């Protein structure tokens, strides 16, 4: 069906063009503090005056918004949320919703040469303006509102305009869900440094297993040395080399005694409050690692040179691996530079991949991405605790599974009565004992991260996708980093490039975000939707249509009795489609 045919109804045509009447008041959901009881007034949204845009502003209409687990984090934390510290939410409530598709309905006089009524966009939610983070649905009013003003923070942000144009044929839910999908894309597109940070601060610490014959090699590009190097207990050939390099390359070298309370305090004082951009551990044991890891700056690379002193697991801050972009590398060679190699971040083609906790909305997206990859793994294992939740994957992705038959296999597994150790052993057995090239952890569990690390194959990669707070530690066998080349990656949110990439993939048909939709709702049912996210009621995403006020939270399969004409236009296995969405809007828009 062509676009003109799809939106031929006069109501839909006017809506598509942004030409429907704009009311003097509109509805939104204010969050006045921590707790679901503080969302709305008497469990309902409130009405506020519809503003007129200033000369440098746009008035936009929110068309669709996906509900996200991050929304529930704001509700739980309230003013203690890291993005909202210092905000008085009672006086200045938050309006949630960062997965948004919107349409321009009024244009300020200074913007008429750049925007017009009817232009459609998605929002890159992680917005920075003059160095200050003010994300959509956090500091800025979000999608659980029918209208919003868009100003310089978004139009002239630090990375340019945070609005990305949407093609006319793209559905509203499809567009809104590019934001969570961009987070998936970002998890496989992360880049880590492969040497010391130019102009940075390096700490080199000798541990109880340190050898006498270390060499520096080339841990930094020529002409791009660090600003300073601080050593703790380093001696011999390596120290002589550092002294020579300091003279030639011009970095400051501070030589301190072996790691101890006084020497570490002095190293910290020399480095300053920013911490260390690179930490090199020479023959470290778990105690030294745990002592120095907290000194790592955001984006630091931690290089473990030699595994001989690690006699047991070390408590690793897995929250910082996820949120602070820390990188763990290692080598058994006495050459420090040999550890700095590119980290593979894409799933290994023809390899073995495991998705742990895959039944939730984001887990389903990871599995879908793997199934639709041109060169994906040969075996995908998806796990969850509840068999019924996992069966959704086999049903929802039946066409994709069939298309890859003989090339890629999806195996869904639950532990049943097995112990965690027995279950993990059964998963490794499915790889023929080789272990997994890739493990994606979708459950915020330090214990799961620790035990899953042991299932990685040589040069295996663990993607820590589920966010754990900074300071949450997991007992990890760091010998695996050194001896087997195991690596960890972690990302939070997405960047504009990820949104562009995902929007392109969606609009080209490479990936369909509509397959992620499990339930829909009108704006008044948004609170029920958030409860559904908290309780994991639906095996997929909930999409709210703010311009439809009074439609209850409804699973797609249940549309058969509620809106039979919409149901008739669903895709296979009750999947959301642009045709079903158009029919839904035609029937329920005011």
Protein backbone atom coordinates (compact mmCIF):
# COMPACT_ATOMS: atom_id res chain seq x y z
CA UNK A 1 0.00 0.00 0.00
CA UNK A 2 1.37 3.40 -0.97
CA UNK A 3 1.81 6.24 1.51
CA UNK A 4 -1.01 8.22 -0.11
CA UNK A 5 -3.35 5.24 0.11
CA UNK A 6 -2.37 4.52 3.71
CA UNK A 7 -3.18 8.06 4.85
CA UNK A 8 -5.95 8.84 2.38
CA UNK A 9 -8.56 9.42 5.09
CA UNK A 10 -8.93 13.21 5.58
CA UNK A 11 -8.31 12.97 9.33
CA UNK A 12 -5.09 11.02 8.81
CA UNK A 13 -3.93 13.27 5.99
CA UNK A 14 -4.38 16.39 8.14
CA UNK A 15 -2.66 14.70 11.07
CA UNK A 16 0.26 13.62 8.92
CA UNK A 17 0.71 17.17 7.66
CA UNK A 18 0.62 18.67 11.16
CA UNK A 19 -2.52 20.63 10.32
CA UNK A 20 -4.95 19.38 12.95
CA UNK A 21 -6.32 22.01 15.39
CA UNK A 22 -4.02 22.84 18.30
CA UNK A 23 -5.98 22.98 21.58
CA UNK A 24 -5.59 25.85 24.07
CA UNK A 25 -4.66 23.29 26.74
CA UNK A 26 -2.94 19.91 26.55
CA UNK A 27 -2.31 16.90 28.80
CA UNK A 28 0.92 15.73 30.40
CA UNK A 29 2.14 13.43 33.18
CA UNK A 30 4.16 15.32 35.85
CA UNK A 31 6.44 13.40 38.22
CA UNK A 32 6.67 15.29 41.53
CA UNK A 33 9.20 13.06 43.29
CA UNK A 34 10.30 9.49 43.95
CA UNK A 35 7.60 6.83 43.87
CA UNK A 36 4.86 5.92 41.44
CA UNK A 37 2.37 7.66 43.71
CA UNK A 38 4.00 10.95 42.72
CA UNK A 39 3.28 10.46 39.02
CA UNK A 40 0.32 12.61 38.03
CA UNK A 41 -2.44 13.94 40.25
CA UNK A 42 -4.94 11.39 41.57
CA UNK A 43 -3.43 8.84 39.16
CA UNK A 44 -4.25 11.03 36.19
CA UNK A 45 -2.38 13.40 33.88
CA UNK A 46 -2.95 17.13 34.22
CA UNK A 47 -3.87 19.86 31.76
CA UNK A 48 -1.60 22.85 31.12
CA UNK A 49 -1.75 25.80 28.77
CA UNK A 50 -0.44 25.22 25.26
CA UNK A 51 2.42 27.66 24.72
CA UNK A 52 3.20 29.65 21.61
CA UNK A 53 6.75 29.26 20.32
CA UNK A 54 9.17 32.16 20.63
CA UNK A 55 11.15 33.38 17.61
CA UNK A 56 13.81 30.67 18.15
CA UNK A 57 11.46 27.85 19.14
CA UNK A 58 9.31 25.13 17.66
CA UNK A 59 6.02 23.84 19.01
CA UNK A 60 6.01 20.09 18.44
CA UNK A 61 3.37 17.42 18.80
CA UNK A 62 4.38 14.14 20.40
CA UNK A 63 3.05 11.31 18.26
CA UNK A 64 4.46 8.18 19.91
CA UNK A 65 6.64 7.44 22.91
CA UNK A 66 8.16 4.16 23.99
CA UNK A 67 8.26 3.37 27.70
CA UNK A 68 11.67 2.40 28.98
CA UNK A 69 13.13 0.77 32.07
CA UNK A 70 15.14 3.98 32.49
CA UNK A 71 11.84 5.76 33.15
CA UNK A 72 11.28 3.50 36.14
CA UNK A 73 14.76 4.35 37.46
CA UNK A 74 13.76 8.03 37.56
CA UNK A 75 10.56 7.13 39.41
CA UNK A 76 12.47 5.07 41.97
CA UNK A 77 15.23 7.64 42.49
CA UNK A 78 13.41 10.96 42.14
CA UNK A 79 15.69 13.89 42.96
CA UNK A 80 18.58 11.53 43.79
CA UNK A 81 18.81 10.38 40.16
CA UNK A 82 22.26 11.35 38.79
CA UNK A 83 20.67 13.43 36.01
CA UNK A 84 18.35 15.29 38.40
CA UNK A 85 20.56 16.14 41.37
CA UNK A 86 19.62 19.57 42.74
CA UNK A 87 16.21 19.71 41.09
CA UNK A 88 13.15 20.50 43.21
CA UNK A 89 10.67 18.13 41.59
CA UNK A 90 7.71 19.34 43.60
CA UNK A 91 8.13 22.83 42.18
CA UNK A 92 9.56 21.71 38.84
CA UNK A 93 8.25 18.22 38.06
CA UNK A 94 9.86 15.93 35.51
CA UNK A 95 7.92 14.81 32.44
CA UNK A 96 9.21 11.37 31.40
CA UNK A 97 9.60 9.93 27.93
CA UNK A 98 12.81 9.96 25.90
CA UNK A 99 11.88 7.50 23.12
CA UNK A 100 9.91 10.01 21.08
CA UNK A 101 8.58 10.61 17.58
CA UNK A 102 7.30 14.14 17.01
CA UNK A 103 5.86 16.51 14.39
CA UNK A 104 6.40 20.26 14.06
CA UNK A 105 3.08 22.11 14.35
CA UNK A 106 4.22 25.73 14.79
CA UNK A 107 7.48 27.45 13.79
CA UNK A 108 9.10 30.52 15.40
CA UNK A 109 9.70 33.40 13.01
CA UNK A 110 13.49 33.02 13.04
CA UNK A 111 13.28 29.33 12.09
CA UNK A 112 10.94 29.44 9.10
CA UNK A 113 13.84 28.95 6.68
CA UNK A 114 14.87 25.72 8.45
CA UNK A 115 11.63 24.09 9.57
CA UNK A 116 8.04 23.87 8.41
CA UNK A 117 4.78 22.58 9.82
CA UNK A 118 4.54 18.84 9.21
CA UNK A 119 8.25 18.10 9.51
CA UNK A 120 8.77 14.87 11.44
CA UNK A 121 11.69 14.03 13.71
CA UNK A 122 13.05 11.74 16.37
CA UNK A 123 15.04 13.16 19.28
CA UNK A 124 18.55 12.14 20.24
CA UNK A 125 17.70 12.06 23.93
CA UNK A 126 21.19 12.57 25.38
CA UNK A 127 21.40 16.33 24.86
CA UNK A 128 24.34 18.55 25.79
CA UNK A 129 24.12 22.32 25.67
CA UNK A 130 27.16 24.41 26.58
CA UNK A 131 28.67 21.38 28.28
CA UNK A 132 25.63 20.65 30.44
CA UNK A 133 23.70 17.38 30.08
CA UNK A 134 19.95 17.96 29.83
CA UNK A 135 18.38 14.85 28.42
CA UNK A 136 14.89 14.70 26.93
CA UNK A 137 12.53 13.18 29.48
CA UNK A 138 14.91 14.10 32.30
CA UNK A 139 15.96 17.75 32.60
CA UNK A 140 13.86 18.62 29.54
CA UNK A 141 10.15 17.87 29.22
CA UNK A 142 9.67 14.47 27.61
CA UNK A 143 7.23 12.54 25.49
CA UNK A 144 4.52 11.79 28.08
CA UNK A 145 2.98 15.09 27.07
CA UNK A 146 0.95 15.97 24.04
CA UNK A 147 2.98 19.04 23.02
CA UNK A 148 6.33 20.61 23.83
CA UNK A 149 8.50 23.60 23.03
CA UNK A 150 11.83 22.88 21.38
CA UNK A 151 14.49 25.55 21.84
CA UNK A 152 18.19 26.23 21.47
CA UNK A 153 19.23 23.43 23.81
CA UNK A 154 18.06 20.95 21.18
CA UNK A 155 18.36 22.97 17.98
CA UNK A 156 21.82 24.39 18.71
CA UNK A 157 23.32 21.79 21.04
CA UNK A 158 26.99 20.96 21.48
CA UNK A 159 26.75 18.34 18.71
CA UNK A 160 24.50 20.44 16.49
CA UNK A 161 20.78 19.83 16.14
CA UNK A 162 19.50 16.87 18.19
CA UNK A 163 16.45 16.41 15.93
CA UNK A 164 16.86 13.77 13.22
CA UNK A 165 14.46 13.91 10.25
CA UNK A 166 12.14 10.99 9.61
CA UNK A 167 10.98 9.82 6.18
CA UNK A 168 7.24 10.23 5.44
CA UNK A 169 6.66 6.49 5.09
CA UNK A 170 8.16 5.63 8.49
CA UNK A 171 5.61 4.78 11.17
CA UNK A 172 5.36 6.72 14.42
CA UNK A 173 6.20 3.75 16.64
CA UNK A 174 8.97 2.73 14.26
CA UNK A 175 10.48 6.18 14.60
CA UNK A 176 10.09 6.42 18.38
CA UNK A 177 11.74 3.05 18.94
CA UNK A 178 14.87 3.99 17.04
CA UNK A 179 16.06 5.48 20.35
CA UNK A 180 16.20 2.20 22.30
CA UNK A 181 17.40 0.47 19.16
CA UNK A 182 20.20 3.03 18.92
CA UNK A 183 21.30 1.93 22.39
CA UNK A 184 21.56 -1.60 21.00
CA UNK A 185 23.56 -0.33 18.03
CA UNK A 186 25.86 1.63 20.34
CA UNK A 187 26.70 -1.51 22.31
CA UNK A 188 28.36 -2.98 19.20
CA UNK A 189 29.98 0.23 18.00
CA UNK A 190 32.07 1.24 21.00
CA UNK A 191 35.70 2.22 20.46
CA UNK A 192 38.40 1.90 23.10
CA UNK A 193 41.86 3.42 23.09
CA UNK A 194 44.74 1.21 21.97
CA UNK A 195 47.46 3.14 23.75
CA UNK A 196 48.13 5.69 26.43
CA UNK A 197 46.02 8.82 26.30
CA UNK A 198 47.84 11.72 24.63
CA UNK A 199 48.45 14.36 27.28
CA UNK A 200 47.08 12.04 29.96
CA UNK A 201 48.37 10.71 33.26
CA UNK A 202 49.78 7.19 33.55
CA UNK A 203 50.35 5.11 36.70
CA UNK A 204 52.68 2.11 36.51
CA UNK A 205 52.60 -0.05 39.65
CA UNK A 206 54.77 -3.08 40.43
CA UNK A 207 52.96 -5.85 42.28
CA UNK A 208 54.15 -8.93 44.18
CA UNK A 209 54.61 -10.88 40.94
CA UNK A 210 56.58 -8.20 39.11
CA UNK A 211 59.51 -9.37 36.97
CA UNK A 212 62.84 -7.69 36.36
CA UNK A 213 62.86 -7.51 32.56
CA UNK A 214 59.82 -5.43 31.49
CA UNK A 215 60.03 -3.29 28.39
CA UNK A 216 57.87 -0.36 27.41
CA UNK A 217 57.57 -0.88 23.66
CA UNK A 218 55.32 1.71 21.97
CA UNK A 219 52.27 2.24 24.18
CA UNK A 220 51.67 5.64 22.59
CA UNK A 221 51.90 7.09 19.09
CA UNK A 222 55.00 9.06 18.19
CA UNK A 223 54.54 12.70 19.04
CA UNK A 224 51.56 11.94 21.30
CA UNK A 225 53.06 11.13 24.70
CA UNK A 226 51.25 11.39 28.01
CA UNK A 227 51.76 14.52 30.10
CA UNK A 228 53.07 12.60 33.08
CA UNK A 229 54.00 9.09 34.19
CA UNK A 230 54.08 8.08 37.85
CA UNK A 231 55.73 4.84 38.93
CA UNK A 232 55.25 2.81 42.09
CA UNK A 233 58.09 0.40 42.83
CA UNK A 234 59.30 0.25 39.21
CA UNK A 235 63.02 -0.43 38.76
CA UNK A 236 65.59 -1.91 36.43
CA UNK A 237 65.39 -1.91 32.64
CA UNK A 238 61.87 -0.44 32.49
CA UNK A 239 62.68 2.49 34.74
CA UNK A 240 65.77 3.28 32.68
CA UNK A 241 63.66 3.23 29.52
CA UNK A 242 61.07 5.52 31.08
CA UNK A 243 63.75 8.00 32.10
CA UNK A 244 65.09 8.06 28.54
CA UNK A 245 61.61 8.46 27.02
CA UNK A 246 60.79 11.27 29.43
CA UNK A 247 63.81 13.22 28.21
CA UNK A 248 63.09 12.60 24.53
CA UNK A 249 59.28 12.92 24.52
CA UNK A 250 58.96 15.54 27.22
CA UNK A 251 56.62 13.92 29.74
CA UNK A 252 57.08 14.41 33.48
CA UNK A 253 58.27 11.30 35.32
CA UNK A 254 57.65 10.86 39.05
CA UNK A 255 59.35 7.88 40.72
CA UNK A 256 57.77 6.64 43.95
CA UNK A 257 58.37 3.60 46.21
CA UNK A 258 56.41 0.35 46.01
CA UNK A 259 52.62 0.61 46.40
CA UNK A 260 51.67 1.49 49.94
CA UNK A 261 49.48 3.95 51.75
CA UNK A 262 51.99 6.81 51.61
CA UNK A 263 53.20 6.26 48.04
CA UNK A 264 49.68 5.87 46.66
CA UNK A 265 48.58 9.05 48.43
CA UNK A 266 51.52 10.90 46.88
CA UNK A 267 50.69 9.48 43.43
CA UNK A 268 47.13 10.71 43.80
CA UNK A 269 48.34 14.16 44.77
CA UNK A 270 50.59 14.34 41.69
CA UNK A 271 47.80 13.14 39.38
CA UNK A 272 45.21 15.54 40.76
CA UNK A 273 41.48 14.96 41.19
CA UNK A 274 40.92 13.68 37.64
CA UNK A 275 42.73 10.43 38.42
CA UNK A 276 44.70 8.23 36.05
CA UNK A 277 43.89 7.81 32.37
CA UNK A 278 46.01 4.65 32.18
CA UNK A 279 47.03 2.23 34.91
CA UNK A 280 49.62 -0.44 34.17
CA UNK A 281 49.76 -3.31 36.68
CA UNK A 282 53.08 -5.22 36.65
CA UNK A 283 52.60 -8.65 38.22
CA UNK A 284 49.65 -7.43 40.26
CA UNK A 285 47.58 -9.55 42.60
CA UNK A 286 43.89 -9.05 43.40
CA UNK A 287 44.63 -6.82 46.38
CA UNK A 288 46.69 -4.36 44.31
CA UNK A 289 44.07 -4.29 41.58
CA UNK A 290 41.31 -3.52 44.06
CA UNK A 291 43.47 -0.83 45.68
CA UNK A 292 44.24 1.05 42.46
CA UNK A 293 41.13 0.51 40.29
CA UNK A 294 39.17 3.31 42.07
CA UNK A 295 41.86 5.77 40.93
CA UNK A 296 41.00 5.23 37.26
CA UNK A 297 39.55 8.21 35.42
CA UNK A 298 36.50 7.88 33.20
CA UNK A 299 37.58 6.16 29.98
CA UNK A 300 40.73 4.74 31.56
CA UNK A 301 42.54 1.68 30.22
CA UNK A 302 43.69 -0.80 32.88
CA UNK A 303 46.55 -2.96 31.59
CA UNK A 304 47.32 -6.19 33.46
CA UNK A 305 50.87 -7.28 32.57
CA UNK A 306 51.30 -10.84 33.79
CA UNK A 307 48.85 -13.10 35.62
CA UNK A 308 51.26 -14.99 37.87
CA UNK A 309 50.21 -13.28 41.11
CA UNK A 310 46.44 -13.64 40.68
CA UNK A 311 45.53 -16.53 43.00
CA UNK A 312 41.79 -15.84 43.13
CA UNK A 313 39.15 -13.49 41.78
CA UNK A 314 39.38 -9.73 42.16
CA UNK A 315 36.45 -7.50 43.03
CA UNK A 316 35.93 -5.54 39.80
CA UNK A 317 33.70 -2.46 39.64
CA UNK A 318 31.42 -3.70 36.85
CA UNK A 319 29.26 -0.60 37.20
CA UNK A 320 32.21 1.48 36.01
CA UNK A 321 32.88 -0.92 33.11
CA UNK A 322 29.33 -0.11 31.99
CA UNK A 323 28.99 3.59 32.77
CA UNK A 324 32.57 4.92 32.83
CA UNK A 325 33.90 3.22 29.70
CA UNK A 326 36.74 1.53 31.58
CA UNK A 327 38.72 -0.95 29.53
CA UNK A 328 40.46 -4.04 30.91
CA UNK A 329 43.32 -5.38 28.78
CA UNK A 330 46.23 -7.66 29.53
CA UNK A 331 49.26 -9.55 28.28
CA UNK A 332 51.56 -12.30 29.48
CA UNK A 333 54.46 -10.82 27.56
CA UNK A 334 56.89 -8.59 29.46
CA UNK A 335 56.30 -5.97 26.74
CA UNK A 336 53.78 -3.44 28.09
CA UNK A 337 52.67 -2.21 24.65
CA UNK A 338 51.63 -5.72 23.52
CA UNK A 339 48.36 -5.45 25.47
CA UNK A 340 47.13 -2.46 23.49
CA UNK A 341 45.21 -3.94 20.57
CA UNK A 342 41.78 -3.10 19.12
CA UNK A 343 38.90 -4.73 20.99
CA UNK A 344 36.44 -6.56 18.76
CA UNK A 345 32.96 -5.24 19.50
CA UNK A 346 30.83 -6.95 16.83
CA UNK A 347 29.50 -10.49 17.29
CA UNK A 348 32.01 -12.94 15.83
CA UNK A 349 30.77 -14.21 12.44
CA UNK A 350 30.26 -17.97 12.58
CA UNK A 351 30.88 -17.99 16.32
CA UNK A 352 28.96 -18.87 19.46
CA UNK A 353 26.92 -16.15 21.18
CA UNK A 354 24.89 -16.21 24.41
CA UNK A 355 22.29 -13.64 25.46
CA UNK A 356 21.67 -13.95 29.19
CA UNK A 357 18.28 -12.66 30.32
CA UNK A 358 17.08 -12.31 26.73
CA UNK A 359 13.30 -12.39 27.18
CA UNK A 360 12.86 -8.71 28.04
CA UNK A 361 12.34 -5.97 25.43
CA UNK A 362 16.02 -5.03 25.12
CA UNK A 363 17.10 -8.68 25.11
CA UNK A 364 14.70 -9.36 22.27
CA UNK A 365 16.27 -6.50 20.31
CA UNK A 366 19.74 -7.97 20.76
CA UNK A 367 18.53 -11.35 19.54
CA UNK A 368 16.68 -9.79 16.59
CA UNK A 369 19.80 -7.86 15.62
CA UNK A 370 21.86 -11.06 15.66
CA UNK A 371 19.26 -12.93 13.60
CA UNK A 372 19.17 -10.18 11.00
CA UNK A 373 22.95 -9.75 10.79
CA UNK A 374 24.41 -10.43 7.36
CA UNK A 375 27.24 -12.42 8.95
CA UNK A 376 26.11 -13.45 12.40
CA UNK A 377 27.04 -16.24 14.82
CA UNK A 378 26.23 -19.81 13.90
CA UNK A 379 24.69 -20.49 17.32
CA UNK A 380 22.64 -18.06 19.41
CA UNK A 381 21.66 -19.20 22.88
CA UNK A 382 19.04 -17.07 24.64
CA UNK A 383 18.42 -17.68 28.34
CA UNK A 384 15.84 -16.62 30.88
CA UNK A 385 14.38 -18.00 34.09
CA UNK A 386 10.81 -18.27 32.76
CA UNK A 387 10.15 -20.60 29.79
CA UNK A 388 6.95 -18.78 28.78
CA UNK A 389 8.85 -15.52 28.35
CA UNK A 390 11.48 -17.15 26.18
CA UNK A 391 8.94 -18.82 23.90
CA UNK A 392 7.97 -15.36 22.69
CA UNK A 393 11.33 -15.18 20.91
CA UNK A 394 10.64 -18.32 18.90
CA UNK A 395 7.16 -17.10 18.01
CA UNK A 396 7.95 -13.46 17.29
CA UNK A 397 11.06 -14.20 15.24
CA UNK A 398 9.76 -17.34 13.48
CA UNK A 399 10.27 -15.85 10.01
CA UNK A 400 13.80 -14.70 10.81
CA UNK A 401 14.68 -18.10 12.30
CA UNK A 402 13.35 -19.90 9.25
CA UNK A 403 15.26 -17.58 6.91
CA UNK A 404 18.53 -18.49 8.67
CA UNK A 405 17.87 -22.22 8.92
CA UNK A 406 21.05 -24.15 8.16
CA UNK A 407 23.20 -21.05 8.70
CA UNK A 408 22.27 -19.93 12.20
CA UNK A 409 20.50 -21.69 15.05
CA UNK A 410 18.58 -20.06 17.90
CA UNK A 411 18.36 -22.15 21.06
CA UNK A 412 16.22 -20.90 23.97
CA UNK A 413 17.15 -22.32 27.36
CA UNK A 414 16.05 -22.05 30.98
CA UNK A 415 17.84 -23.59 33.99
CA UNK A 416 14.84 -25.52 35.27
CA UNK A 417 16.05 -27.50 38.28
CA UNK A 418 19.75 -27.14 37.45
CA UNK A 419 22.10 -25.23 39.71
CA UNK A 420 23.77 -22.14 38.18
CA UNK A 421 27.00 -24.11 37.72
CA UNK A 422 25.18 -27.02 36.06
CA UNK A 423 23.26 -24.65 33.79
CA UNK A 424 26.42 -22.83 32.72
CA UNK A 425 28.12 -26.17 32.03
CA UNK A 426 25.20 -27.20 29.82
CA UNK A 427 25.50 -23.96 27.86
CA UNK A 428 29.23 -24.44 27.28
CA UNK A 429 28.54 -28.04 26.25
CA UNK A 430 26.31 -26.68 23.45
CA UNK A 431 29.44 -25.06 21.97
CA UNK A 432 31.28 -28.38 21.98
CA UNK A 433 33.24 -27.20 24.99
CA UNK A 434 34.78 -24.26 23.12
CA UNK A 435 32.98 -21.60 25.11
CA UNK A 436 31.31 -18.46 23.84
CA UNK A 437 32.90 -15.91 21.58
CA UNK A 438 30.33 -13.37 22.74
CA UNK A 439 28.19 -13.11 25.86
CA UNK A 440 25.69 -10.28 26.23
CA UNK A 441 24.55 -9.78 29.83
CA UNK A 442 21.05 -8.31 29.99
CA UNK A 443 20.41 -8.75 33.71
CA UNK A 444 21.93 -6.34 36.25
CA UNK A 445 23.51 -9.09 38.33
CA UNK A 446 27.17 -9.01 39.42
CA UNK A 447 26.98 -12.71 40.23
CA UNK A 448 25.81 -13.52 36.71
CA UNK A 449 28.62 -11.42 35.20
CA UNK A 450 31.19 -13.22 37.33
CA UNK A 451 29.99 -16.74 36.53
CA UNK A 452 29.41 -15.99 32.84
CA UNK A 453 32.99 -14.75 32.44
CA UNK A 454 34.13 -18.33 32.96
CA UNK A 455 32.09 -19.40 29.90
CA UNK A 456 34.00 -17.19 27.46
CA UNK A 457 36.23 -18.73 24.82
CA UNK A 458 39.74 -17.52 24.06
CA UNK A 459 39.54 -13.88 22.90
CA UNK A 460 35.91 -13.89 24.01
CA UNK A 461 33.97 -10.68 24.55
CA UNK A 462 31.42 -9.87 27.25
CA UNK A 463 29.03 -6.98 26.61
CA UNK A 464 27.75 -5.70 29.95
CA UNK A 465 24.54 -4.16 28.65
CA UNK A 466 22.42 -4.13 31.80
CA UNK A 467 23.37 -1.12 33.90
CA UNK A 468 24.74 -1.64 37.39
CA UNK A 469 25.45 1.32 39.64
CA UNK A 470 29.01 2.53 39.96
CA UNK A 471 30.56 0.81 42.94
CA UNK A 472 28.84 -2.53 42.32
CA UNK A 473 31.55 -5.17 42.24
CA UNK A 474 31.75 -8.68 40.85
CA UNK A 475 34.38 -11.32 41.71
CA UNK A 476 36.11 -11.79 38.35
CA UNK A 477 39.02 -14.07 37.53
CA UNK A 478 41.40 -11.54 35.98
CA UNK A 479 43.73 -14.32 34.80
CA UNK A 480 41.23 -14.74 31.97
CA UNK A 481 41.93 -11.20 30.77
CA UNK A 482 45.67 -11.92 30.66
CA UNK A 483 45.85 -15.60 29.69
CA UNK A 484 42.81 -15.98 27.38
CA UNK A 485 42.45 -12.45 26.00
CA UNK A 486 38.94 -12.05 27.42
CA UNK A 487 37.62 -8.50 27.10
CA UNK A 488 34.64 -6.52 28.45
CA UNK A 489 32.66 -3.69 26.92
CA UNK A 490 29.85 -1.58 28.28
CA UNK A 491 27.83 1.37 27.07
CA UNK A 492 25.07 3.59 28.38
CA UNK A 493 22.68 5.38 26.04
CA UNK A 494 23.61 6.34 22.50
CA UNK A 495 25.09 9.14 20.44
CA UNK A 496 23.74 10.99 17.42
CA UNK A 497 25.73 8.74 15.08
CA UNK A 498 24.01 5.68 16.62
CA UNK A 499 20.58 7.25 16.12
CA UNK A 500 21.40 8.08 12.50
CA UNK A 501 22.67 4.56 11.91
CA UNK A 502 19.60 2.95 13.46
CA UNK A 503 17.15 5.27 11.70
CA UNK A 504 18.83 4.41 8.41
CA UNK A 505 18.61 0.68 9.19
CA UNK A 506 14.91 1.00 10.08
CA UNK A 507 14.01 3.08 7.04
CA UNK A 508 15.92 0.79 4.68
CA UNK A 509 14.16 -2.30 6.03
CA UNK A 510 17.33 -3.81 7.49
CA UNK A 511 15.74 -3.84 10.97
CA UNK A 512 12.10 -3.28 11.89
CA UNK A 513 11.58 -1.67 15.32
CA UNK A 514 7.86 -2.51 15.07
CA UNK A 515 8.72 -6.13 15.90
CA UNK A 516 9.60 -4.89 19.39
CA UNK A 517 6.08 -3.60 20.14
CA UNK A 518 4.04 -5.76 22.52
CA UNK A 519 1.33 -3.36 23.75
CA UNK A 520 -0.10 0.09 23.01
CA UNK A 521 -1.89 2.72 25.09
CA UNK A 522 -3.33 6.20 25.08
CA UNK A 523 -1.80 8.91 27.23
CA UNK A 524 -4.11 8.40 30.23
CA UNK A 525 -2.93 4.78 30.48
CA UNK A 526 0.76 5.70 30.57
CA UNK A 527 0.95 5.09 34.32
CA UNK A 528 -0.43 1.59 33.86
CA UNK A 529 2.16 1.17 31.13
CA UNK A 530 4.99 2.12 33.46
CA UNK A 531 3.66 -0.35 36.02
CA UNK A 532 3.76 -2.92 33.22
CA UNK A 533 7.43 -2.11 32.60
CA UNK A 534 8.18 -2.41 36.32
CA UNK A 535 6.41 -5.75 36.55
CA UNK A 536 7.66 -7.05 33.18
CA UNK A 537 4.05 -7.69 32.20
CA UNK A 538 4.70 -7.64 28.46
CA UNK A 539 7.37 -9.45 26.47
CA UNK A 540 8.24 -6.39 24.45
CA UNK A 541 7.92 -2.62 24.28
CA UNK A 542 4.92 -0.55 25.31
CA UNK A 543 4.19 2.40 23.00
CA UNK A 544 2.02 5.30 24.16
CA UNK A 545 0.22 7.50 21.62
CA UNK A 546 -0.11 10.87 23.42
CA UNK A 547 -2.67 12.35 21.03
CA UNK A 548 -5.09 9.57 21.94
CA UNK A 549 -6.12 10.27 25.51
CA UNK A 550 -8.39 7.46 26.64
CA UNK A 551 -7.31 4.14 25.16
CA UNK A 552 -6.42 1.51 27.80
CA UNK A 553 -3.14 -0.37 27.94
CA UNK A 554 -3.73 -3.28 25.54
CA UNK A 555 -1.59 -6.19 24.36
CA UNK A 556 -1.54 -6.46 20.57
CA UNK A 557 -3.11 -9.91 20.67
CA UNK A 558 -6.05 -8.50 22.65
CA UNK A 559 -6.91 -6.00 19.91
CA UNK A 560 -8.95 -8.76 18.29
CA UNK A 561 -11.85 -8.05 20.66
CA UNK A 562 -11.18 -4.34 21.24
CA UNK A 563 -10.36 -3.01 17.77
CA UNK A 564 -10.92 -5.82 15.26
CA UNK A 565 -10.11 -3.68 12.23
CA UNK A 566 -6.75 -2.75 13.73
CA UNK A 567 -6.16 -6.37 14.69
CA UNK A 568 -6.80 -7.43 11.10
CA UNK A 569 -3.85 -5.33 9.96
CA UNK A 570 -1.32 -6.77 12.40
CA UNK A 571 1.55 -8.74 10.93
CA UNK A 572 2.44 -12.38 11.60
CA UNK A 573 2.42 -13.43 15.25
CA UNK A 574 0.56 -10.26 16.31
CA UNK A 575 3.31 -7.88 15.20
CA UNK A 576 2.69 -4.14 14.94
CA UNK A 577 2.69 -2.65 11.44
CA UNK A 578 2.41 0.82 9.90
CA UNK A 579 -0.95 -0.29 8.46
CA UNK A 580 -2.28 -1.27 11.90
CA UNK A 581 -0.99 2.00 13.32
CA UNK A 582 -2.72 4.04 10.62
CA UNK A 583 -6.00 2.24 11.28
CA UNK A 584 -5.56 2.78 15.03
CA UNK A 585 -5.05 6.50 14.54
CA UNK A 586 -7.97 6.76 12.13
CA UNK A 587 -10.33 5.16 14.61
CA UNK A 588 -9.19 6.91 17.78
CA UNK A 589 -7.74 10.33 16.99
CA UNK A 590 -10.16 13.08 18.06
